[in-house]
Amino acid sequence: MAKTPPKLLFNKNKTIESNYNEFEKYVKQLDKDFGNILLQNIDKSPDEIREITKDVINNFINKKMSNE
């Protein structure tokens, strides 16, 4: 499960490379949690991805809400 995003994802005291690496790790873990749906649809338009991921994200949110 992806950890909660850091309060300051882009830390001004870190290098651009360090910030990018941190963000990339977070996005990859998040995508893994969603079943690699972003990587599978990387060539699709943002609107198509939004439509494809809508059910997956809703299920994820419902699951998180029921666990709390």
Protein backbone atom coordinates (compact mmCIF):
# COMPACT_ATOMS: atom_id res chain seq x y z
CA MET A 1 0.00 0.00 0.00
CA ALA A 2 1.38 3.42 -0.90
CA LYS A 3 2.40 5.43 2.09
CA THR A 4 0.59 8.68 2.58
CA PRO A 5 2.20 11.41 0.50
CA PRO A 6 4.73 13.50 2.37
CA LYS A 7 3.37 16.84 3.58
CA LEU A 8 5.96 18.57 1.43
CA LEU A 9 6.49 16.28 -1.53
CA PHE A 10 8.84 18.71 -3.21
CA ASN A 11 11.24 19.79 -0.49
CA LYS A 12 13.10 22.99 -1.39
CA ASN A 13 16.13 21.74 0.56
CA LYS A 14 16.49 18.68 -1.68
CA THR A 15 17.86 18.54 -5.19
CA ILE A 16 15.55 18.30 -8.18
CA GLU A 17 16.82 14.76 -8.77
CA SER A 18 16.09 13.75 -5.18
CA ASN A 19 12.58 15.23 -5.32
CA TYR A 20 11.91 13.49 -8.64
CA ASN A 21 13.10 10.13 -7.30
CA GLU A 22 10.88 10.47 -4.23
CA PHE A 23 7.86 11.36 -6.36
CA GLU A 24 8.57 8.54 -8.82
CA LYS A 25 8.74 5.97 -5.98
CA TYR A 26 5.43 7.20 -4.60
CA VAL A 27 3.69 7.11 -8.00
CA LYS A 28 5.04 3.62 -8.80
CA GLN A 29 3.81 2.26 -5.46
CA LEU A 30 0.44 3.92 -5.94
CA ASP A 31 0.15 2.42 -9.44
CA LYS A 32 1.08 -0.99 -8.05
CA ASP A 33 -1.72 -0.65 -5.47
CA PHE A 34 -4.15 0.06 -8.31
CA GLY A 35 -3.03 -3.00 -10.32
CA ASN A 36 -0.57 -1.22 -12.63
CA ILE A 37 -3.49 0.41 -14.40
CA LEU A 38 -1.48 3.51 -15.34
CA LEU A 39 1.43 1.60 -16.85
CA GLN A 40 -0.95 -0.62 -18.82
CA ASN A 41 -2.64 2.44 -20.34
CA ILE A 42 0.30 4.82 -20.70
CA ASP A 43 -0.41 5.50 -24.38
CA LYS A 44 -4.02 6.55 -23.78
CA SER A 45 -5.25 10.12 -23.46
CA PRO A 46 -5.92 11.60 -20.00
CA ASP A 47 -9.68 11.40 -20.63
CA GLU A 48 -9.44 7.71 -21.55
CA ILE A 49 -7.33 6.98 -18.47
CA ARG A 50 -9.81 8.86 -16.30
CA GLU A 51 -12.65 6.71 -17.65
CA ILE A 52 -10.67 3.46 -17.29
CA THR A 53 -9.56 4.17 -13.74
CA LYS A 54 -12.86 5.54 -12.42
CA ASP A 55 -14.19 2.19 -11.11
CA VAL A 56 -10.82 1.09 -9.75
CA ILE A 57 -10.37 4.33 -7.84
CA ASN A 58 -13.93 4.28 -6.50
CA ASN A 59 -13.43 0.70 -5.26
CA PHE A 60 -10.13 1.70 -3.65
CA ILE A 61 -11.76 4.66 -1.88
CA ASN A 62 -14.67 2.52 -0.67
CA LYS A 63 -12.25 -0.10 0.63
CA LYS A 64 -10.21 2.54 2.49
CA MET A 65 -13.38 4.09 3.96
CA SER A 66 -14.66 0.72 5.18
CA ASN A 67 -11.32 -0.02 6.89
CA GLU A 68 -11.43 3.21 8.92
